[in-house]
Amino acid sequence: MNITNKIACFLLSVYVFTFFSCTEPSFLDKHQKDLFSILKEPNLSNETTFSVINQIASTYKTQKKESELILFLTDYVEKNPSDPYNAYWLLMIALFYMESDAEKVA
């Protein structure tokens, strides 16, 4: 099994466990650390990177840490200008600003 398949299996199992399990902060903190570790792996496919970032964003959203989420996504987009999913991340940021009644920023 190659690294991409292992990562995909890991992400799927984490997603299923998170969906059907508790959202205890200590679990979520470890979950975030694991996701950030995966994100640092070299040679991740665009799809795997998208999945990892989406999981990180979902966890921040679950924890109601919108400012951390916005900071994470804007930092990622700035550091990875060639990522094909940047438009999606920027749209997500705009939606969070709109939800916070900051339409002018969005």
Protein backbone atom coordinates (compact mmCIF):
# COMPACT_ATOMS: atom_id res chain seq x y z
CA MET A 1 0.00 0.00 0.00
CA ASN A 2 1.56 3.32 -1.03
CA ILE A 3 1.64 6.46 1.15
CA THR A 4 -1.33 8.07 -0.63
CA ASN A 5 -3.53 5.03 0.02
CA LYS A 6 -2.42 4.89 3.64
CA ILE A 7 -3.21 8.56 4.11
CA ALA A 8 -6.58 8.18 2.40
CA CYS A 9 -7.46 5.21 4.63
CA PHE A 10 -6.33 7.13 7.71
CA LEU A 11 -8.40 10.17 6.77
CA LEU A 12 -11.46 8.08 6.06
CA SER A 13 -11.19 6.28 9.39
CA VAL A 14 -10.64 9.57 11.23
CA TYR A 15 -13.64 11.10 9.49
CA VAL A 16 -15.88 8.13 10.32
CA PHE A 17 -14.67 8.07 13.92
CA THR A 18 -15.17 11.82 14.27
CA PHE A 19 -18.61 11.70 12.71
CA PHE A 20 -19.89 8.90 14.94
CA SER A 21 -17.93 9.76 18.05
CA CYS A 22 -17.58 12.52 20.56
CA THR A 23 -16.09 15.92 19.89
CA GLU A 24 -14.07 16.02 23.09
CA PRO A 25 -11.42 18.79 22.86
CA SER A 26 -8.49 16.51 23.76
CA PHE A 27 -9.44 14.16 20.93
CA LEU A 28 -9.82 17.07 18.53
CA ASP A 29 -6.46 18.54 19.53
CA LYS A 30 -4.70 15.23 18.81
CA HIS A 31 -6.70 14.92 15.61
CA GLN A 32 -5.53 18.40 14.52
CA LYS A 33 -1.90 17.56 15.32
CA ASP A 34 -2.16 14.37 13.26
CA LEU A 35 -3.65 16.28 10.34
CA PHE A 36 -0.95 18.96 10.46
CA SER A 37 1.67 16.18 10.48
CA ILE A 38 0.13 14.64 7.38
CA LEU A 39 0.02 18.04 5.69
CA LYS A 40 3.80 18.34 6.12
CA GLU A 41 4.38 15.11 4.19
CA PRO A 42 6.22 15.69 0.92
CA ASN A 43 4.63 14.78 -2.39
CA LEU A 44 0.99 14.73 -1.29
CA SER A 45 -1.45 14.70 -4.16
CA ASN A 46 -3.69 17.73 -4.61
CA GLU A 47 -6.68 15.61 -3.62
CA THR A 48 -5.05 14.37 -0.42
CA THR A 49 -3.96 17.89 0.49
CA PHE A 50 -7.51 19.11 -0.10
CA SER A 51 -8.90 16.37 2.14
CA VAL A 52 -6.45 17.13 4.95
CA ILE A 53 -7.07 20.88 4.80
CA ASN A 54 -10.81 20.30 4.69
CA GLN A 55 -10.59 18.12 7.82
CA ILE A 56 -8.51 20.79 9.60
CA ALA A 57 -11.07 23.43 8.62
CA SER A 58 -13.96 21.23 9.78
CA THR A 59 -12.31 20.67 13.14
CA TYR A 60 -11.74 24.40 13.64
CA LYS A 61 -15.38 24.99 12.71
CA THR A 62 -16.55 22.29 15.15
CA GLN A 63 -14.50 23.92 17.90
CA LYS A 64 -15.96 27.32 16.96
CA LYS A 65 -12.46 28.65 16.27
CA GLU A 66 -13.36 30.69 13.21
CA SER A 67 -10.48 33.17 13.64
CA GLU A 68 -7.94 30.31 13.72
CA LEU A 69 -9.65 28.78 10.70
CA ILE A 70 -9.47 32.03 8.73
CA LEU A 71 -5.83 32.54 9.71
CA PHE A 72 -4.94 28.96 8.75
CA LEU A 73 -6.64 29.15 5.35
CA THR A 74 -5.30 32.61 4.43
CA ASP A 75 -1.80 31.54 5.45
CA TYR A 76 -2.09 28.35 3.39
CA VAL A 77 -3.33 30.20 0.30
CA GLU A 78 -0.56 32.79 0.61
CA LYS A 79 2.16 30.14 0.95
CA ASN A 80 0.74 27.87 -1.79
CA PRO A 81 -0.34 30.16 -4.65
CA SER A 82 -0.41 27.34 -7.21
CA ASP A 83 -2.83 25.11 -5.26
CA PRO A 84 -5.79 24.42 -7.58
CA TYR A 85 -8.21 24.56 -4.63
CA ASN A 86 -7.29 28.08 -3.46
CA ALA A 87 -10.50 29.54 -4.89
CA TYR A 88 -12.46 27.14 -2.68
CA TRP A 89 -10.46 28.11 0.42
CA LEU A 90 -10.96 31.81 -0.32
CA LEU A 91 -14.68 31.24 -0.79
CA MET A 92 -14.80 29.44 2.56
CA ILE A 93 -13.04 32.42 4.20
CA ALA A 94 -15.52 34.83 2.62
CA LEU A 95 -18.44 32.75 3.90
CA PHE A 96 -17.08 32.84 7.45
CA TYR A 97 -16.71 36.61 7.24
CA MET A 98 -20.28 36.89 5.95
CA GLU A 99 -21.53 34.69 8.81
CA SER A 100 -19.76 37.10 11.17
CA ASP A 101 -21.59 40.09 9.65
CA ALA A 102 -18.40 41.34 8.00
CA GLU A 103 -19.66 41.48 4.42
CA LYS A 104 -17.26 44.29 3.49
CA VAL A 105 -14.29 42.12 4.42
CA ALA A 106 -15.75 39.14 2.59
